[in-house]
Amino acid sequence: MKRLVVFPALIALALVLFSAALGSPTATAAAPLTGSNSASFAHAEFSSEVGGVQTSAIVDVQDVAFSDPAGSFEGSFLTVFASRFDPGNPNDPTDDQLDLLQGNAELAPDEFRVSADGSSATLSAVVTMCSQISPDCFNGSVNLSWTGTGQSQTFSGKAIVRAGGNCRIHDTFSDSHGAASATGTVSIGTTNFTPDPSDLAEIAIFSSHQRFTGDCSSLFPPPPGP
């Protein structure tokens, strides 16, 4: 049975973005400030053995966005881990070859897409993969598709937090995640590290909206003068 992984980053990201919203200018009861956050994630793990050569790959990709009166941000980020072990002659351990590779990339818009309901996702990107054993780096490409394999688990709710006297932060949030199957290629040099479908995969989406009411001036001090 495949296990379902709940992204720890999902909760951490929500807290980070929530904190970012607290850096906004002064809110008043007459003109409450608002903020919004959203994030999409996809995760996949692969392992295979072809002709005695063992390969594995882990792919994590996320798209995050937030906005508030202080400004807005949107970005997508990819992390790839890959390994390849060639035992050569099984009776001669001296000819074993092991490659451990890691790569990170900031993605261009539309290189990572997740459907509105979180049931599917696609990724098409290039990434530089560097060895953790030698100083060598290699060009890599990642072209994967995720398809949900069951009913997503969805959580939503509202919360009111008091802060700084009579300041209230009204938070509305929604979180959906579910198991998936990922297929495609993670190609580094001449090796495809994902000849088989994923052993484990997941898609997750998150969104929240904040509304600040009351006197929140203690949370949003004016910027220092020149």
Protein backbone atom coordinates (compact mmCIF):
# COMPACT_ATOMS: atom_id res chain seq x y z
CA MET A 1 0.00 0.00 0.00
CA LYS A 2 1.40 3.39 -0.92
CA ARG A 3 1.66 5.82 1.94
CA LEU A 4 0.26 9.34 1.67
CA VAL A 5 2.71 12.08 2.49
CA VAL A 6 1.39 15.34 3.90
CA PHE A 7 3.83 18.05 2.97
CA PRO A 8 5.45 19.52 6.09
CA ALA A 9 6.26 22.51 3.91
CA LEU A 10 2.54 23.16 3.49
CA ILE A 11 2.09 24.15 7.13
CA ALA A 12 5.44 25.94 7.26
CA LEU A 13 4.63 27.93 4.14
CA ALA A 14 1.28 28.99 5.52
CA LEU A 15 2.98 30.34 8.63
CA VAL A 16 5.67 32.13 6.64
CA LEU A 17 3.20 33.80 4.32
CA PHE A 18 0.94 34.66 7.23
CA SER A 19 3.88 36.39 8.90
CA ALA A 20 4.68 38.23 5.68
CA ALA A 21 1.18 39.67 5.66
CA LEU A 22 1.84 41.19 9.06
CA GLY A 23 4.39 43.52 7.49
CA SER A 24 1.71 45.60 5.80
CA PRO A 25 0.94 49.27 6.45
CA THR A 26 -1.50 50.51 9.13
CA ALA A 27 -5.03 49.11 9.14
CA THR A 28 -8.08 50.98 10.43
CA ALA A 29 -11.67 49.94 11.05
CA ALA A 30 -12.81 52.15 8.18
CA ALA A 31 -10.40 50.66 5.67
CA PRO A 32 -9.39 47.13 6.68
CA LEU A 33 -6.33 45.67 5.05
CA THR A 34 -6.42 42.33 3.29
CA GLY A 35 -3.88 39.75 2.23
CA SER A 36 -4.03 36.54 0.25
CA ASN A 37 -1.73 33.54 -0.11
CA SER A 38 -1.78 30.53 -2.41
CA ALA A 39 0.52 27.61 -3.07
CA SER A 40 0.63 24.50 -5.24
CA PHE A 41 2.92 21.53 -4.65
CA ALA A 42 3.82 18.28 -6.36
CA HIS A 43 6.08 15.51 -5.08
CA ALA A 44 7.25 12.28 -6.72
CA GLU A 45 9.66 9.46 -5.88
CA PHE A 46 10.98 6.95 -8.41
CA SER A 47 13.17 3.85 -8.28
CA SER A 48 14.07 1.28 -10.93
CA GLU A 49 16.60 -1.32 -11.97
CA VAL A 50 17.52 -1.92 -15.61
CA GLY A 51 20.27 -4.38 -16.51
CA GLY A 52 21.50 -4.40 -12.93
CA VAL A 53 21.86 -0.59 -12.85
CA GLN A 54 19.79 0.98 -10.08
CA THR A 55 18.43 4.52 -10.38
CA SER A 56 16.25 6.68 -8.17
CA ALA A 57 14.91 10.22 -8.26
CA ILE A 58 12.97 12.54 -5.96
CA VAL A 59 11.26 15.60 -7.41
CA ASP A 60 9.71 18.43 -5.39
CA VAL A 61 8.18 21.46 -7.08
CA GLN A 62 6.11 24.32 -5.74
CA ASP A 63 4.48 27.53 -6.91
CA VAL A 64 3.78 30.18 -4.28
CA ALA A 65 2.11 33.59 -4.44
CA PHE A 66 1.04 36.20 -1.93
CA SER A 67 -0.15 39.78 -2.00
CA ASP A 68 -0.98 42.46 0.55
CA PRO A 69 -0.95 46.26 0.60
CA ALA A 70 2.85 46.18 0.87
CA GLY A 71 3.27 44.35 -2.43
CA SER A 72 3.08 40.94 -4.04
CA PHE A 73 5.28 38.00 -4.96
CA GLU A 74 4.97 34.91 -7.14
CA GLY A 75 7.55 32.25 -7.90
CA SER A 76 8.05 28.57 -8.71
CA PHE A 77 10.91 26.43 -7.44
CA LEU A 78 12.18 22.95 -8.28
CA THR A 79 14.42 20.56 -6.34
CA VAL A 80 15.66 17.26 -7.78
CA PHE A 81 17.69 14.49 -6.14
CA ALA A 82 18.93 11.58 -8.28
CA SER A 83 21.17 8.57 -7.77
CA ARG A 84 22.63 5.89 -10.04
CA PHE A 85 24.47 2.76 -8.93
CA ASP A 86 26.20 0.48 -11.43
CA PRO A 87 27.68 -2.60 -9.73
CA GLY A 88 29.62 -3.57 -12.86
CA ASN A 89 30.95 -7.06 -12.17
CA PRO A 90 29.01 -8.24 -9.09
CA ASN A 91 32.06 -10.21 -8.02
CA ASP A 92 34.39 -7.20 -8.21
CA PRO A 93 33.39 -4.35 -5.88
CA THR A 94 36.29 -2.22 -7.12
CA ASP A 95 34.43 -1.40 -10.35
CA ASP A 96 31.26 -0.15 -8.62
CA GLN A 97 30.11 3.29 -9.80
CA LEU A 98 27.89 5.56 -7.70
CA ASP A 99 26.48 8.94 -8.73
CA LEU A 100 24.63 11.21 -6.29
CA LEU A 101 23.20 14.35 -7.89
CA GLN A 102 21.25 17.37 -6.69
CA GLY A 103 19.81 20.32 -8.56
CA ASN A 104 17.70 23.39 -7.80
CA ALA A 105 16.04 25.78 -10.22
CA GLU A 106 13.75 28.78 -10.20
CA LEU A 107 11.12 28.14 -12.83
CA ALA A 108 9.68 30.41 -15.48
CA PRO A 109 5.92 31.01 -15.51
CA ASP A 110 3.87 28.07 -16.79
CA GLU A 111 6.71 25.53 -16.47
CA PHE A 112 4.79 24.06 -13.52
CA ARG A 113 1.01 23.87 -13.70
CA VAL A 114 -1.56 22.40 -11.33
CA SER A 115 -5.24 22.06 -12.17
CA ALA A 116 -7.69 24.16 -10.15
CA ASP A 117 -9.01 21.11 -8.30
CA GLY A 118 -5.55 19.65 -7.65
CA SER A 119 -6.27 16.47 -9.62
CA SER A 120 -3.40 16.82 -12.10
CA ALA A 121 -0.12 18.66 -12.63
CA THR A 122 2.58 19.02 -15.27
CA LEU A 123 6.23 20.05 -15.08
CA SER A 124 8.60 20.82 -17.92
CA ALA A 125 11.89 22.44 -16.96
CA VAL A 126 15.65 22.33 -17.23
CA VAL A 127 17.93 22.07 -14.21
CA THR A 128 21.66 21.90 -13.58
CA MET A 129 22.49 18.78 -11.57
CA CYS A 130 25.75 18.69 -9.63
CA SER A 131 27.46 15.66 -8.16
CA GLN A 132 27.74 15.36 -4.40
CA ILE A 133 30.79 13.16 -4.86
CA SER A 134 32.80 15.00 -7.52
CA PRO A 135 32.95 18.62 -8.77
CA ASP A 136 31.09 17.66 -11.96
CA CYS A 137 27.77 19.20 -13.03
CA PHE A 138 25.42 18.05 -15.76
CA ASN A 139 22.55 19.46 -17.78
CA GLY A 140 19.23 17.88 -16.88
CA SER A 141 15.63 18.07 -18.01
CA VAL A 142 12.48 17.20 -16.10
CA ASN A 143 9.24 16.42 -17.94
CA LEU A 144 6.63 14.88 -15.66
CA SER A 145 2.87 14.56 -15.40
CA TRP A 146 0.93 13.87 -12.20
CA THR A 147 -2.54 12.28 -12.17
CA GLY A 148 -4.58 11.93 -9.00
CA THR A 149 -5.31 8.34 -8.01
CA GLY A 150 -8.06 8.82 -5.47
CA GLN A 151 -10.23 11.23 -3.56
CA SER A 152 -8.33 14.28 -2.32
CA GLN A 153 -8.46 15.17 1.36
CA THR A 154 -9.69 18.71 1.80
CA PHE A 155 -9.60 20.88 4.90
CA SER A 156 -11.00 24.38 5.24
CA GLY A 157 -11.89 26.72 8.02
CA LYS A 158 -11.87 30.16 9.54
CA ALA A 159 -10.01 31.65 12.46
CA ILE A 160 -9.91 34.98 14.26
CA VAL A 161 -6.72 36.00 16.02
CA ARG A 162 -6.50 38.96 18.41
CA ALA A 163 -3.29 40.95 18.32
CA GLY A 164 -2.14 44.37 19.54
CA GLY A 165 -5.14 45.54 21.57
CA ASN A 166 -8.38 45.39 19.58
CA CYS A 167 -6.77 44.36 16.28
CA ARG A 168 -8.37 41.26 14.79
CA ILE A 169 -7.00 39.07 12.00
CA HIS A 170 -9.74 37.12 10.19
CA ASP A 171 -8.19 34.18 8.35
CA THR A 172 -10.04 31.92 5.87
CA PHE A 173 -8.09 28.94 4.54
CA SER A 174 -8.40 25.83 2.38
CA ASP A 175 -5.95 22.92 2.00
CA SER A 176 -6.35 19.99 -0.38
CA HIS A 177 -3.93 17.11 -0.98
CA GLY A 178 -4.12 13.66 -2.46
CA ALA A 179 -2.14 10.70 -3.73
CA ALA A 180 -1.14 10.64 -7.39
CA SER A 181 0.87 8.75 -9.98
CA ALA A 182 3.70 10.53 -11.79
CA THR A 183 5.18 9.52 -15.14
CA GLY A 184 7.67 11.04 -17.54
CA THR A 185 11.40 11.60 -17.67
CA VAL A 186 14.11 12.97 -15.43
CA SER A 187 17.02 12.96 -17.88
CA ILE A 188 20.53 13.84 -16.77
CA GLY A 189 23.25 13.41 -19.33
CA THR A 190 22.39 10.20 -21.17
CA THR A 191 20.50 8.58 -18.28
CA ASN A 192 16.75 8.61 -17.75
CA PHE A 193 16.29 8.24 -13.99
CA THR A 194 12.52 7.56 -14.24
CA PRO A 195 11.92 4.69 -16.69
CA ASP A 196 9.10 3.40 -14.46
CA PRO A 197 6.07 5.20 -12.96
CA SER A 198 6.48 6.75 -9.53
CA ASP A 199 6.59 4.67 -6.37
CA LEU A 200 5.00 7.55 -4.48
CA ALA A 201 3.51 10.87 -5.60
CA GLU A 202 1.25 13.61 -4.27
CA ILE A 203 -0.37 16.86 -5.35
CA ALA A 204 -1.40 19.58 -2.90
CA ILE A 205 -2.91 23.05 -3.11
CA PHE A 206 -3.36 25.68 -0.41
CA SER A 207 -5.02 29.09 -0.25
CA SER A 208 -5.85 31.60 2.45
CA HIS A 209 -7.21 35.10 2.82
CA GLN A 210 -6.62 37.52 5.70
CA ARG A 211 -8.66 40.57 6.69
CA PHE A 212 -7.36 42.96 9.36
CA THR A 213 -9.91 44.95 11.37
CA GLY A 214 -9.71 47.31 14.32
CA ASP A 215 -6.66 49.28 15.34
CA CYS A 216 -3.70 47.29 14.00
CA SER A 217 -1.23 50.17 14.12
CA SER A 218 0.94 48.33 16.65
CA LEU A 219 1.42 45.54 14.12
CA PHE A 220 2.12 47.85 11.21
CA PRO A 221 4.44 50.65 12.36
CA PRO A 222 5.23 53.27 9.72
CA PRO A 223 8.52 52.89 7.87
CA PRO A 224 11.49 54.79 9.32
CA GLY A 225 12.05 58.25 7.95
CA PRO A 226 15.00 59.20 5.73
